[in-house]
C-alpha cells in the first residue's frame, strides 16, 4: 500500500486565462455535483426533523439487510447516508449550500463540465492517496470524491490522469510521514468493536476499532504510514459512524421512537426492541402518555475507554390513534367519554 501525492489537474482555458484547479474523480473524470436534497427527497428549506424523517424512511427501504445481494440498493444506501451526514450537520450543510450557490451560478454563466474552479473549496495542493486495497479498508466503500473534496476527512480520493492509460501523476516529496484515512462503520460495529483489513506492500493488516468508537475517533496504526528518508510514519483511521435508521446516538446514550397503539398505551403491554446489544423486551406501563420516555439503564453504547460501562437507552412512546373507526367502535368510545365526564362530576 503505497502513498502518493496527487496534484489537482489544471484547466488553462478559464475566462481570465489564469490557472484554474479542476477537481477530478477517482477514475479521472470531472467531478459531478451531488444534490443531497434530491437524494433525500426534501426541499432546501427543510428543517432538521423533516430531513431526519426522510432519511429514516429511505434508509429502511434500502438497508442492505432488507436487500441482500442487491448492489443497486447498497449504492443507494451509501448515497442516502452521505446526504444525511451533510444535511444533518449545520456546519456541513452551510458549507454545502454555499458551494451549491457558487456552482449553480457558474452553470448559469455557461460553465462546461470539468471547468469549475475548486480551489476555494478544497485545501489546495496535493493530497495523500492510498493505492492499496481500499475496498477492504472501507468494508465496501466510503464517502464519495465529491464529499471528500468538500469536507476532507484525511485523504480525499481525487486522482488525475497521467496519460491514455490513466494512473497517477508523478508524486512530489511528502510533507508528512503520517497518513489519515476515513473509515465508515455501523452503529452495531461501534457497539461491539470491529476490524478493517488493509493491504500494504503485499501484506494484509488487520486494524481493530474498539467498542464505543464514535464519529471523530482516530485509531492509530504505528509504522504503517508513509516511507520517507528511511523513516516511516503512522496511519490514522478516522472513524465515521453511519447514521442508524432507528436509533440516534447522543454521547453514550441511545434514543429511539417506538410506535405504540392506543390500547397498549392505555392497558399496558410488552414490546420487542432490536438494539445493537440484542433484542430487549420493554414493559409498557398502563396509562402511558403520548411522548412519554422510558429509560433503560445500561442499555446504551459502551464507553470508549471503559467498555464495561454503558450509557442508557431512552425510548419515546409515539402513541398511534386508530383511524377508520367502525360504528360500534365509535359508540364504545362515546360511552367511555361519557363515563369519564360522569366521573369528574
C-alpha atoms as a PDB file:
ATOM      1  CA  UNK A   1       0.000   0.000   0.000  1.00  0.00           C
ATOM      2  CA  UNK A   2       1.988   2.909  -1.278  1.00  0.00           C
ATOM      3  CA  UNK A   3       1.175   6.536  -0.587  1.00  0.00           C
ATOM      4  CA  UNK A   4       1.410   9.220  -3.233  1.00  0.00           C
ATOM      5  CA  UNK A   5       0.574  12.872  -3.617  1.00  0.00           C
ATOM      6  CA  UNK A   6      -1.996  13.505  -6.296  1.00  0.00           C
ATOM      7  CA  UNK A   7      -1.801  17.061  -7.715  1.00  0.00           C
ATOM      8  CA  UNK A   8      -5.028  18.596  -8.958  1.00  0.00           C
ATOM      9  CA  UNK A   9      -5.354  18.897 -12.719  1.00  0.00           C
ATOM     10  CA  UNK A  10      -5.157  22.356 -14.300  1.00  0.00           C
ATOM     11  CA  UNK A  11      -7.566  23.947 -16.722  1.00  0.00           C
ATOM     12  CA  UNK A  12      -5.814  26.671 -18.727  1.00  0.00           C
ATOM     13  CA  UNK A  13      -8.959  27.614 -20.613  1.00  0.00           C
ATOM     14  CA  UNK A  14     -10.582  29.738 -17.935  1.00  0.00           C
ATOM     15  CA  UNK A  15     -12.077  33.032 -18.969  1.00  0.00           C
ATOM     16  CA  UNK A  16      -9.314  35.090 -17.451  1.00  0.00           C
ATOM     17  CA  UNK A  17      -6.564  32.709 -18.710  1.00  0.00           C
ATOM     18  CA  UNK A  18      -5.405  32.197 -15.134  1.00  0.00           C
ATOM     19  CA  UNK A  19      -4.608  28.673 -13.907  1.00  0.00           C
ATOM     20  CA  UNK A  20      -7.720  27.056 -12.504  1.00  0.00           C
ATOM     21  CA  UNK A  21      -7.925  23.957 -10.294  1.00  0.00           C
ATOM     22  CA  UNK A  22     -10.110  21.246 -11.790  1.00  0.00           C
ATOM     23  CA  UNK A  23     -11.272  18.514  -9.446  1.00  0.00           C
ATOM     24  CA  UNK A  24     -11.435  15.015 -10.912  1.00  0.00           C
ATOM     25  CA  UNK A  25     -12.963  11.833  -9.602  1.00  0.00           C
ATOM     26  CA  UNK A  26     -11.231   8.600  -8.696  1.00  0.00           C
ATOM     27  CA  UNK A  27     -11.492   7.440 -12.313  1.00  0.00           C
ATOM     28  CA  UNK A  28     -10.098  10.655 -13.750  1.00  0.00           C
ATOM     29  CA  UNK A  29     -13.411  12.154 -14.906  1.00  0.00           C
ATOM     30  CA  UNK A  30     -14.637  15.659 -13.987  1.00  0.00           C
ATOM     31  CA  UNK A  31     -16.220  15.745 -10.544  1.00  0.00           C
ATOM     32  CA  UNK A  32     -20.007  15.548 -10.575  1.00  0.00           C
ATOM     33  CA  UNK A  33     -22.094  17.814  -8.354  1.00  0.00           C
ATOM     34  CA  UNK A  34     -24.187  15.848  -5.874  1.00  0.00           C
ATOM     35  CA  UNK A  35     -27.636  17.151  -4.998  1.00  0.00           C
ATOM     36  CA  UNK A  36     -28.058  15.889  -1.436  1.00  0.00           C
ATOM     37  CA  UNK A  37     -31.510  17.452  -1.120  1.00  0.00           C
ATOM     38  CA  UNK A  38     -32.733  15.498  -4.139  1.00  0.00           C
ATOM     39  CA  UNK A  39     -31.147  12.317  -2.770  1.00  0.00           C
ATOM     40  CA  UNK A  40     -33.293  12.567   0.374  1.00  0.00           C
ATOM     41  CA  UNK A  41     -36.296  13.968  -1.490  1.00  0.00           C
ATOM     42  CA  UNK A  42     -36.540  17.166   0.578  1.00  0.00           C
ATOM     43  CA  UNK A  43     -36.527  20.858  -0.252  1.00  0.00           C
ATOM     44  CA  UNK A  44     -33.663  23.219   0.563  1.00  0.00           C
ATOM     45  CA  UNK A  45     -35.848  24.828   3.217  1.00  0.00           C
ATOM     46  CA  UNK A  46     -36.447  21.528   5.036  1.00  0.00           C
ATOM     47  CA  UNK A  47     -35.773  21.604   8.768  1.00  0.00           C
ATOM     48  CA  UNK A  48     -33.870  19.012  10.756  1.00  0.00           C
ATOM     49  CA  UNK A  49     -36.936  16.953  11.634  1.00  0.00           C
ATOM     50  CA  UNK A  50     -38.067  16.733   8.021  1.00  0.00           C
ATOM     51  CA  UNK A  51     -34.586  15.710   6.881  1.00  0.00           C
ATOM     52  CA  UNK A  52     -34.337  13.067   9.587  1.00  0.00           C
ATOM     53  CA  UNK A  53     -37.794  11.704   8.757  1.00  0.00           C
ATOM     54  CA  UNK A  54     -36.938  11.424   5.056  1.00  0.00           C
ATOM     55  CA  UNK A  55     -33.610   9.769   5.853  1.00  0.00           C
ATOM     56  CA  UNK A  56     -35.186   7.144   8.116  1.00  0.00           C
ATOM     57  CA  UNK A  57     -37.792   6.223   5.528  1.00  0.00           C
ATOM     58  CA  UNK A  58     -35.224   5.792   2.744  1.00  0.00           C
ATOM     59  CA  UNK A  59     -32.647   4.070   4.970  1.00  0.00           C
ATOM     60  CA  UNK A  60     -35.198   1.456   5.994  1.00  0.00           C
ATOM     61  CA  UNK A  61     -36.220   0.949   2.360  1.00  0.00           C
ATOM     62  CA  UNK A  62     -32.691   0.463   1.005  1.00  0.00           C
ATOM     63  CA  UNK A  63     -30.960  -1.057   4.047  1.00  0.00           C
ATOM     64  CA  UNK A  64     -28.647  -3.938   2.960  1.00  0.00           C
ATOM     65  CA  UNK A  65     -30.316  -6.293   5.454  1.00  0.00           C
ATOM     66  CA  UNK A  66     -33.606  -5.848   3.576  1.00  0.00           C
ATOM     67  CA  UNK A  67     -31.946  -6.115   0.146  1.00  0.00           C
ATOM     68  CA  UNK A  68     -29.320  -8.879   0.425  1.00  0.00           C
ATOM     69  CA  UNK A  69     -27.124  -9.110  -2.652  1.00  0.00           C
ATOM     70  CA  UNK A  70     -28.702  -6.053  -4.306  1.00  0.00           C
ATOM     71  CA  UNK A  71     -25.775  -3.858  -5.361  1.00  0.00           C
ATOM     72  CA  UNK A  72     -28.021  -1.022  -6.547  1.00  0.00           C
ATOM     73  CA  UNK A  73     -29.751  -0.878  -3.171  1.00  0.00           C
ATOM     74  CA  UNK A  74     -26.346  -0.939  -1.470  1.00  0.00           C
ATOM     75  CA  UNK A  75     -25.124   2.037  -3.525  1.00  0.00           C
ATOM     76  CA  UNK A  76     -28.372   3.892  -2.899  1.00  0.00           C
ATOM     77  CA  UNK A  77     -27.999   3.250   0.843  1.00  0.00           C
ATOM     78  CA  UNK A  78     -24.487   4.765   0.749  1.00  0.00           C
ATOM     79  CA  UNK A  79     -25.764   7.829  -1.128  1.00  0.00           C
ATOM     80  CA  UNK A  80     -28.563   8.296   1.402  1.00  0.00           C
ATOM     81  CA  UNK A  81     -26.140   8.098   4.329  1.00  0.00           C
ATOM     82  CA  UNK A  82     -23.720  10.538   2.702  1.00  0.00           C
ATOM     83  CA  UNK A  83     -26.513  13.046   2.047  1.00  0.00           C
ATOM     84  CA  UNK A  84     -27.763  12.757   5.636  1.00  0.00           C
ATOM     85  CA  UNK A  85     -24.234  13.085   7.013  1.00  0.00           C
ATOM     86  CA  UNK A  86     -24.051  16.529   5.382  1.00  0.00           C
ATOM     87  CA  UNK A  87     -27.590  17.850   5.821  1.00  0.00           C
ATOM     88  CA  UNK A  88     -27.960  16.839   9.492  1.00  0.00           C
ATOM     89  CA  UNK A  89     -24.848  18.849  10.435  1.00  0.00           C
ATOM     90  CA  UNK A  90     -25.472  22.641  10.399  1.00  0.00           C
ATOM     91  CA  UNK A  91     -21.818  23.433   9.656  1.00  0.00           C
ATOM     92  CA  UNK A  92     -21.537  20.931   6.796  1.00  0.00           C
ATOM     93  CA  UNK A  93     -24.934  21.943   5.435  1.00  0.00           C
ATOM     94  CA  UNK A  94     -23.973  25.625   5.435  1.00  0.00           C
ATOM     95  CA  UNK A  95     -20.739  24.919   3.553  1.00  0.00           C
ATOM     96  CA  UNK A  96     -22.573  22.674   1.092  1.00  0.00           C
ATOM     97  CA  UNK A  97     -25.230  25.349   0.467  1.00  0.00           C
ATOM     98  CA  UNK A  98     -22.557  27.989  -0.125  1.00  0.00           C
ATOM     99  CA  UNK A  99     -20.795  25.689  -2.554  1.00  0.00           C
ATOM    100  CA  UNK A 100     -24.098  24.884  -4.280  1.00  0.00           C
ATOM    101  CA  UNK A 101     -24.865  28.562  -4.852  1.00  0.00           C
ATOM    102  CA  UNK A 102     -21.425  29.113  -6.361  1.00  0.00           C
ATOM    103  CA  UNK A 103     -21.693  26.016  -8.547  1.00  0.00           C
ATOM    104  CA  UNK A 104     -25.186  26.855  -9.819  1.00  0.00           C
ATOM    105  CA  UNK A 105     -24.129  30.407 -10.633  1.00  0.00           C
ATOM    106  CA  UNK A 106     -21.171  29.019 -12.600  1.00  0.00           C
ATOM    107  CA  UNK A 107     -23.535  26.720 -14.518  1.00  0.00           C
ATOM    108  CA  UNK A 108     -25.879  29.616 -15.350  1.00  0.00           C
ATOM    109  CA  UNK A 109     -22.913  31.514 -16.784  1.00  0.00           C
ATOM    110  CA  UNK A 110     -22.286  28.678 -19.244  1.00  0.00           C
ATOM    111  CA  UNK A 111     -19.687  26.700 -17.319  1.00  0.00           C
ATOM    112  CA  UNK A 112     -18.579  23.496 -19.012  1.00  0.00           C
ATOM    113  CA  UNK A 113     -18.054  20.118 -17.270  1.00  0.00           C
ATOM    114  CA  UNK A 114     -14.616  19.949 -15.698  1.00  0.00           C
ATOM    115  CA  UNK A 115     -14.050  23.696 -15.728  1.00  0.00           C
ATOM    116  CA  UNK A 116     -15.335  24.673 -12.291  1.00  0.00           C
ATOM    117  CA  UNK A 117     -12.747  26.333 -10.018  1.00  0.00           C
ATOM    118  CA  UNK A 118     -12.455  24.122  -6.938  1.00  0.00           C
ATOM    119  CA  UNK A 119      -9.502  25.964  -5.436  1.00  0.00           C
ATOM    120  CA  UNK A 120     -11.568  27.931  -2.906  1.00  0.00           C
ATOM    121  CA  UNK A 121     -13.455  24.797  -1.819  1.00  0.00           C
ATOM    122  CA  UNK A 122     -10.553  22.419  -1.270  1.00  0.00           C
ATOM    123  CA  UNK A 123      -7.417  22.769   0.793  1.00  0.00           C
ATOM    124  CA  UNK A 124      -5.439  23.109  -2.431  1.00  0.00           C
ATOM    125  CA  UNK A 125      -2.183  21.418  -3.369  1.00  0.00           C
ATOM    126  CA  UNK A 126      -1.573  17.694  -3.409  1.00  0.00           C
ATOM    127  CA  UNK A 127      -3.495  15.096  -1.434  1.00  0.00           C
ATOM    128  CA  UNK A 128      -2.400  11.822   0.114  1.00  0.00           C
ATOM    129  CA  UNK A 129      -3.905   8.782  -1.585  1.00  0.00           C
ATOM    130  CA  UNK A 130      -3.910   5.045  -0.889  1.00  0.00           C
ATOM    131  CA  UNK A 131      -3.384   2.837  -3.920  1.00  0.00           C
ATOM    132  CA  UNK A 132      -3.870  -0.336  -1.880  1.00  0.00           C
ATOM    133  CA  UNK A 133      -6.936  -2.402  -1.062  1.00  0.00           C
ATOM    134  CA  UNK A 134      -9.405   0.381  -0.305  1.00  0.00           C
ATOM    135  CA  UNK A 135     -12.378  -1.942  -0.750  1.00  0.00           C
ATOM    136  CA  UNK A 136     -11.239  -3.887   2.292  1.00  0.00           C
ATOM    137  CA  UNK A 137     -10.346  -0.755   4.205  1.00  0.00           C
ATOM    138  CA  UNK A 138     -13.784   0.747   3.774  1.00  0.00           C
ATOM    139  CA  UNK A 139     -15.655  -2.507   4.141  1.00  0.00           C
ATOM    140  CA  UNK A 140     -17.372  -1.939   0.817  1.00  0.00           C
ATOM    141  CA  UNK A 141     -16.917   1.769   0.161  1.00  0.00           C
ATOM    142  CA  UNK A 142     -16.517   5.125   1.882  1.00  0.00           C
ATOM    143  CA  UNK A 143     -17.588   8.672   1.122  1.00  0.00           C
ATOM    144  CA  UNK A 144     -17.622   9.889  -2.458  1.00  0.00           C
ATOM    145  CA  UNK A 145     -14.918  12.012  -4.085  1.00  0.00           C
ATOM    146  CA  UNK A 146     -17.356  14.928  -4.006  1.00  0.00           C
ATOM    147  CA  UNK A 147     -17.808  14.654  -0.219  1.00  0.00           C
ATOM    148  CA  UNK A 148     -14.090  14.266   0.466  1.00  0.00           C
ATOM    149  CA  UNK A 149     -13.240  17.228  -1.745  1.00  0.00           C
ATOM    150  CA  UNK A 150     -15.611  19.500   0.182  1.00  0.00           C
ATOM    151  CA  UNK A 151     -15.123  18.201   3.702  1.00  0.00           C
ATOM    152  CA  UNK A 152     -11.734  16.485   3.679  1.00  0.00           C
ATOM    153  CA  UNK A 153     -11.601  13.682   6.207  1.00  0.00           C
ATOM    154  CA  UNK A 154      -7.967  12.858   5.582  1.00  0.00           C
ATOM    155  CA  UNK A 155      -7.193  11.623   2.121  1.00  0.00           C
ATOM    156  CA  UNK A 156      -9.678  12.916  -0.406  1.00  0.00           C
ATOM    157  CA  UNK A 157      -9.873  10.319  -3.098  1.00  0.00           C
ATOM    158  CA  UNK A 158      -9.026  12.579  -6.023  1.00  0.00           C
ATOM    159  CA  UNK A 159      -6.854  11.396  -8.903  1.00  0.00           C
ATOM    160  CA  UNK A 160      -5.674  12.863 -12.187  1.00  0.00           C
ATOM    161  CA  UNK A 161      -4.874  11.084 -15.446  1.00  0.00           C
ATOM    162  CA  UNK A 162      -1.241  10.914 -16.479  1.00  0.00           C
ATOM    163  CA  UNK A 163      -1.848   9.570 -19.958  1.00  0.00           C
ATOM    164  CA  UNK A 164      -4.104   7.438 -22.128  1.00  0.00           C
ATOM    165  CA  UNK A 165      -3.935   4.544 -19.691  1.00  0.00           C
ATOM    166  CA  UNK A 166      -4.830   6.614 -16.629  1.00  0.00           C
ATOM    167  CA  UNK A 167      -2.797   6.162 -13.431  1.00  0.00           C
ATOM    168  CA  UNK A 168      -1.161   8.737 -11.199  1.00  0.00           C
ATOM    169  CA  UNK A 169       0.860  11.829 -11.957  1.00  0.00           C
ATOM    170  CA  UNK A 170       4.406  11.953 -10.556  1.00  0.00           C
ATOM    171  CA  UNK A 171       4.418  12.387  -6.782  1.00  0.00           C
ATOM    172  CA  UNK A 172       6.339  15.142  -5.080  1.00  0.00           C
ATOM    173  CA  UNK A 173       8.091  14.579  -1.785  1.00  0.00           C
ATOM    174  CA  UNK A 174       5.737  14.018   1.144  1.00  0.00           C
ATOM    175  CA  UNK A 175       5.378  16.832   3.637  1.00  0.00           C
ATOM    176  CA  UNK A 176       4.467  14.412   6.420  1.00  0.00           C
ATOM    177  CA  UNK A 177       5.011  10.723   7.060  1.00  0.00           C
ATOM    178  CA  UNK A 178       1.677  10.296   8.830  1.00  0.00           C
ATOM    179  CA  UNK A 179      -1.416   9.444   6.796  1.00  0.00           C
ATOM    180  CA  UNK A 180      -5.081   9.708   7.753  1.00  0.00           C
ATOM    181  CA  UNK A 181      -7.982   7.911   6.086  1.00  0.00           C
ATOM    182  CA  UNK A 182     -11.710   7.935   6.843  1.00  0.00           C
ATOM    183  CA  UNK A 183     -13.382   4.595   7.502  1.00  0.00           C
ATOM    184  CA  UNK A 184     -17.124   4.002   7.905  1.00  0.00           C
ATOM    185  CA  UNK A 185     -18.618   1.614  10.465  1.00  0.00           C
ATOM    186  CA  UNK A 186     -22.176   0.851  11.503  1.00  0.00           C
ATOM    187  CA  UNK A 187     -23.657   1.619  14.906  1.00  0.00           C
ATOM    188  CA  UNK A 188     -23.680  -2.123  15.616  1.00  0.00           C
ATOM    189  CA  UNK A 189     -19.955  -2.288  14.865  1.00  0.00           C
ATOM    190  CA  UNK A 190     -19.347   0.721  17.091  1.00  0.00           C
ATOM    191  CA  UNK A 191     -21.171  -1.106  19.891  1.00  0.00           C
ATOM    192  CA  UNK A 192     -19.276  -4.391  19.666  1.00  0.00           C
ATOM    193  CA  UNK A 193     -15.995  -3.227  18.158  1.00  0.00           C
ATOM    194  CA  UNK A 194     -14.883  -4.354  14.718  1.00  0.00           C
ATOM    195  CA  UNK A 195     -11.898  -4.747  12.398  1.00  0.00           C
ATOM    196  CA  UNK A 196     -10.897  -3.492   8.988  1.00  0.00           C
ATOM    197  CA  UNK A 197      -8.373  -5.185   6.731  1.00  0.00           C
ATOM    198  CA  UNK A 198      -5.972  -3.239   4.556  1.00  0.00           C
ATOM    199  CA  UNK A 199      -3.017  -4.137   2.404  1.00  0.00           C
ATOM    200  CA  UNK A 200       0.473  -2.690   2.278  1.00  0.00           C
ATOM    201  CA  UNK A 201       3.341  -3.935   0.161  1.00  0.00           C
ATOM    202  CA  UNK A 202       1.650  -7.290  -0.370  1.00  0.00           C
ATOM    203  CA  UNK A 203       0.883  -7.940   3.294  1.00  0.00           C
ATOM    204  CA  UNK A 204      -2.548  -7.681   4.891  1.00  0.00           C
ATOM    205  CA  UNK A 205      -3.003  -5.794   8.143  1.00  0.00           C
ATOM    206  CA  UNK A 206      -5.973  -6.082  10.482  1.00  0.00           C
ATOM    207  CA  UNK A 207      -6.871  -2.916  12.341  1.00  0.00           C
ATOM    208  CA  UNK A 208      -9.047  -3.180  15.461  1.00  0.00           C
ATOM    209  CA  UNK A 209     -11.638  -0.475  16.064  1.00  0.00           C
ATOM    210  CA  UNK A 210     -12.592  -0.574  19.754  1.00  0.00           C
ATOM    211  CA  UNK A 211     -16.122  -0.749  21.206  1.00  0.00           C
ATOM    212  CA  UNK A 212     -17.560   2.706  21.850  1.00  0.00           C
ATOM    213  CA  UNK A 213     -15.889   4.345  18.853  1.00  0.00           C
ATOM    214  CA  UNK A 214     -17.797   7.347  17.556  1.00  0.00           C
ATOM    215  CA  UNK A 215     -17.533   9.733  14.650  1.00  0.00           C
ATOM    216  CA  UNK A 216     -14.213  11.525  15.101  1.00  0.00           C
ATOM    217  CA  UNK A 217     -12.444   8.656  16.894  1.00  0.00           C
ATOM    218  CA  UNK A 218      -8.933   8.185  15.455  1.00  0.00           C
ATOM    219  CA  UNK A 219      -7.292   4.756  15.513  1.00  0.00           C
ATOM    220  CA  UNK A 220      -3.509   4.782  15.223  1.00  0.00           C
ATOM    221  CA  UNK A 221      -1.625   2.059  13.346  1.00  0.00           C
ATOM    222  CA  UNK A 222       2.007   2.580  14.221  1.00  0.00           C
ATOM    223  CA  UNK A 223       4.578   2.379  11.450  1.00  0.00           C
ATOM    224  CA  UNK A 224       2.087   1.961   8.587  1.00  0.00           C
ATOM    225  CA  UNK A 225       2.225   5.472   7.172  1.00  0.00           C
ATOM    226  CA  UNK A 226       4.483   6.936   4.503  1.00  0.00           C
ATOM    227  CA  UNK A 227       8.078   5.828   3.979  1.00  0.00           C
ATOM    228  CA  UNK A 228      10.403   8.796   3.535  1.00  0.00           C
ATOM    229  CA  UNK A 229      14.140   9.187   4.037  1.00  0.00           C
ATOM    230  CA  UNK A 230      14.330   5.795   5.709  1.00  0.00           C
ATOM    231  CA  UNK A 231      11.643   6.655   8.266  1.00  0.00           C
ATOM    232  CA  UNK A 232       8.017   5.554   8.374  1.00  0.00           C
ATOM    233  CA  UNK A 233       5.090   7.488   9.783  1.00  0.00           C
ATOM    234  CA  UNK A 234       1.835   6.209  11.228  1.00  0.00           C
ATOM    235  CA  UNK A 235      -1.556   5.511   9.696  1.00  0.00           C
ATOM    236  CA  UNK A 236      -4.610   7.035  11.395  1.00  0.00           C
ATOM    237  CA  UNK A 237      -8.099   5.741  10.686  1.00  0.00           C
ATOM    238  CA  UNK A 238     -10.665   8.487  11.256  1.00  0.00           C
ATOM    239  CA  UNK A 239     -13.897   6.736  12.210  1.00  0.00           C
ATOM    240  CA  UNK A 240     -17.263   7.812  10.872  1.00  0.00           C
ATOM    241  CA  UNK A 241     -20.280   6.003  12.369  1.00  0.00           C
ATOM    242  CA  UNK A 242     -23.057   5.739   9.792  1.00  0.00           C
ATOM    243  CA  UNK A 243     -26.379   7.148  10.976  1.00  0.00           C
ATOM    244  CA  UNK A 244     -28.805   4.455  12.107  1.00  0.00           C
ATOM    245  CA  UNK A 245     -32.341   4.445  10.655  1.00  0.00           C
ATOM    246  CA  UNK A 246     -33.979   3.956  14.082  1.00  0.00           C
ATOM    247  CA  UNK A 247     -31.514   4.779  16.851  1.00  0.00           C
ATOM    248  CA  UNK A 248     -29.977   8.194  17.484  1.00  0.00           C
ATOM    249  CA  UNK A 249     -26.749   8.404  19.467  1.00  0.00           C
ATOM    250  CA  UNK A 250     -26.069  11.219  21.915  1.00  0.00           C
ATOM    251  CA  UNK A 251     -22.702  10.749  23.606  1.00  0.00           C
ATOM    252  CA  UNK A 252     -23.039   7.224  25.032  1.00  0.00           C
ATOM    253  CA  UNK A 253     -26.840   7.238  25.239  1.00  0.00           C
ATOM    254  CA  UNK A 254     -29.197   5.919  22.575  1.00  0.00           C
ATOM    255  CA  UNK A 255     -32.603   7.410  21.760  1.00  0.00           C
ATOM    256  CA  UNK A 256     -35.426   5.930  19.727  1.00  0.00           C
ATOM    257  CA  UNK A 257     -39.125   6.338  18.998  1.00  0.00           C
ATOM    258  CA  UNK A 258     -41.459   3.371  19.487  1.00  0.00           C
ATOM    259  CA  UNK A 259     -44.875   3.281  17.835  1.00  0.00           C
ATOM    260  CA  UNK A 260     -47.498   2.103  20.334  1.00  0.00           C
ATOM    261  CA  UNK A 261     -51.207   1.636  19.649  1.00  0.00           C
ATOM    262  CA  UNK A 262     -53.760   3.376  21.827  1.00  0.00           C
ATOM    263  CA  UNK A 263     -54.863   0.202  23.584  1.00  0.00           C
ATOM    264  CA  UNK A 264     -51.348  -0.814  24.636  1.00  0.00           C
ATOM    265  CA  UNK A 265     -50.741   2.703  25.923  1.00  0.00           C
ATOM    266  CA  UNK A 266     -53.926   2.550  27.997  1.00  0.00           C
ATOM    267  CA  UNK A 267     -53.751  -1.044  29.230  1.00  0.00           C
ATOM    268  CA  UNK A 268     -50.015  -1.709  29.182  1.00  0.00           C
ATOM    269  CA  UNK A 269     -48.094  -4.389  27.326  1.00  0.00           C
ATOM    270  CA  UNK A 270     -44.717  -5.636  26.144  1.00  0.00           C
ATOM    271  CA  UNK A 271     -42.747  -4.571  23.050  1.00  0.00           C
ATOM    272  CA  UNK A 272     -39.642  -6.134  21.496  1.00  0.00           C
ATOM    273  CA  UNK A 273     -36.789  -3.769  20.714  1.00  0.00           C
ATOM    274  CA  UNK A 274     -33.885  -4.516  18.392  1.00  0.00           C
ATOM    275  CA  UNK A 275     -30.761  -2.833  19.758  1.00  0.00           C
ATOM    276  CA  UNK A 276     -27.037  -3.162  18.963  1.00  0.00           C
ATOM    277  CA  UNK A 277     -26.736  -5.291  22.103  1.00  0.00           C
ATOM    278  CA  UNK A 278     -29.536  -7.679  21.072  1.00  0.00           C
ATOM    279  CA  UNK A 279     -33.298  -7.949  21.356  1.00  0.00           C
ATOM    280  CA  UNK A 280     -34.875  -6.465  24.501  1.00  0.00           C
ATOM    281  CA  UNK A 281     -38.374  -6.727  25.925  1.00  0.00           C
ATOM    282  CA  UNK A 282     -39.753  -3.381  27.052  1.00  0.00           C
ATOM    283  CA  UNK A 283     -42.601  -3.327  29.556  1.00  0.00           C
ATOM    284  CA  UNK A 284     -45.020  -0.515  28.749  1.00  0.00           C
ATOM    285  CA  UNK A 285     -46.890   0.520  31.896  1.00  0.00           C
ATOM    286  CA  UNK A 286     -50.675   1.046  31.833  1.00  0.00           C
ATOM    287  CA  UNK A 287     -51.914   4.597  31.176  1.00  0.00           C
ATOM    288  CA  UNK A 288     -48.728   5.598  29.387  1.00  0.00           C
ATOM    289  CA  UNK A 289     -48.915   9.065  27.861  1.00  0.00           C
ATOM    290  CA  UNK A 290     -48.015  10.219  24.324  1.00  0.00           C
ATOM    291  CA  UNK A 291     -44.316  11.193  24.094  1.00  0.00           C
ATOM    292  CA  UNK A 292     -43.627   9.588  27.468  1.00  0.00           C
ATOM    293  CA  UNK A 293     -39.998   8.441  27.672  1.00  0.00           C
ATOM    294  CA  UNK A 294     -38.890   5.186  29.283  1.00  0.00           C
ATOM    295  CA  UNK A 295     -35.247   4.859  30.366  1.00  0.00           C
ATOM    296  CA  UNK A 296     -33.435   1.535  30.160  1.00  0.00           C
ATOM    297  CA  UNK A 297     -30.301   1.936  32.270  1.00  0.00           C
ATOM    298  CA  UNK A 298     -27.081   0.453  30.904  1.00  0.00           C
ATOM    299  CA  UNK A 299     -28.570  -0.413  27.500  1.00  0.00           C
ATOM    300  CA  UNK A 300     -26.779   2.308  25.550  1.00  0.00           C
ATOM    301  CA  UNK A 301     -23.322   2.457  23.967  1.00  0.00           C
ATOM    302  CA  UNK A 302     -20.152   1.302  25.731  1.00  0.00           C
ATOM    303  CA  UNK A 303     -17.732   3.974  26.914  1.00  0.00           C
ATOM    304  CA  UNK A 304     -14.745   4.149  24.589  1.00  0.00           C
ATOM    305  CA  UNK A 305     -12.068   3.821  27.272  1.00  0.00           C
ATOM    306  CA  UNK A 306     -14.210   1.842  29.742  1.00  0.00           C
ATOM    307  CA  UNK A 307     -16.233  -0.608  27.627  1.00  0.00           C
ATOM    308  CA  UNK A 308     -17.602  -2.328  30.731  1.00  0.00           C
ATOM    309  CA  UNK A 309     -19.611   0.858  31.361  1.00  0.00           C
ATOM    310  CA  UNK A 310     -22.567   1.702  29.136  1.00  0.00           C
ATOM    311  CA  UNK A 311     -24.883   4.614  28.585  1.00  0.00           C
ATOM    312  CA  UNK A 312     -28.664   4.382  28.699  1.00  0.00           C
ATOM    313  CA  UNK A 313     -31.385   3.700  26.136  1.00  0.00           C
ATOM    314  CA  UNK A 314     -34.280   6.179  26.042  1.00  0.00           C
ATOM    315  CA  UNK A 315     -37.499   5.046  24.354  1.00  0.00           C
ATOM    316  CA  UNK A 316     -40.098   7.694  23.480  1.00  0.00           C
ATOM    317  CA  UNK A 317     -43.620   6.326  23.102  1.00  0.00           C
ATOM    318  CA  UNK A 318     -45.230   7.533  19.878  1.00  0.00           C
ATOM    319  CA  UNK A 319     -48.868   6.682  20.570  1.00  0.00           C
ATOM    320  CA  UNK A 320     -50.806   5.962  17.369  1.00  0.00           C
ATOM    321  CA  UNK A 321     -54.506   6.839  17.356  1.00  0.00           C
ATOM    322  CA  UNK A 322     -56.824   4.482  15.435  1.00  0.00           C
ATOM    323  CA  UNK A 323     -58.322   5.518  12.100  1.00  0.00           C
ATOM    324  CA  UNK A 324     -61.387   4.408  10.135  1.00  0.00           C
ATOM    325  CA  UNK A 325     -63.417   3.599  13.241  1.00  0.00           C
ATOM    326  CA  UNK A 326     -66.456   1.401  12.841  1.00  0.00           C
ATOM    327  CA  UNK A 327     -69.870   2.499  14.122  1.00  0.00           C
ATOM    328  CA  UNK A 328     -69.568   0.097  17.047  1.00  0.00           C
ATOM    329  CA  UNK A 329     -66.107   1.399  17.944  1.00  0.00           C
ATOM    330  CA  UNK A 330     -67.353   4.986  17.883  1.00  0.00           C
ATOM    331  CA  UNK A 331     -70.256   4.017  20.147  1.00  0.00           C
ATOM    332  CA  UNK A 332     -67.880   2.387  22.655  1.00  0.00           C
ATOM    333  CA  UNK A 333     -65.591   5.414  22.673  1.00  0.00           C
ATOM    334  CA  UNK A 334     -68.550   7.721  23.215  1.00  0.00           C
ATOM    335  CA  UNK A 335     -69.590   5.539  26.153  1.00  0.00           C
ATOM    336  CA  UNK A 336     -66.057   5.767  27.541  1.00  0.00           C
ATOM    337  CA  UNK A 337     -66.074   9.561  27.118  1.00  0.00           C
ATOM    338  CA  UNK A 338     -69.422   9.750  28.943  1.00  0.00           C
ATOM    339  CA  UNK A 339     -68.063   7.641  31.810  1.00  0.00           C
ATOM    340  CA  UNK A 340     -65.044   9.923  32.108  1.00  0.00           C
ATOM    341  CA  UNK A 341     -67.254  13.009  32.159  1.00  0.00           C
ATOM    342  CA  UNK A 342     -69.592  11.494  34.786  1.00  0.00           C
ATOM    343  CA  UNK A 343     -66.615  10.522  36.916  1.00  0.00           C
ATOM    344  CA  UNK A 344     -65.430  14.131  37.055  1.00  0.00           C
ATOM    345  CA  UNK A 345     -68.807  15.487  38.267  1.00  0.00           C
END
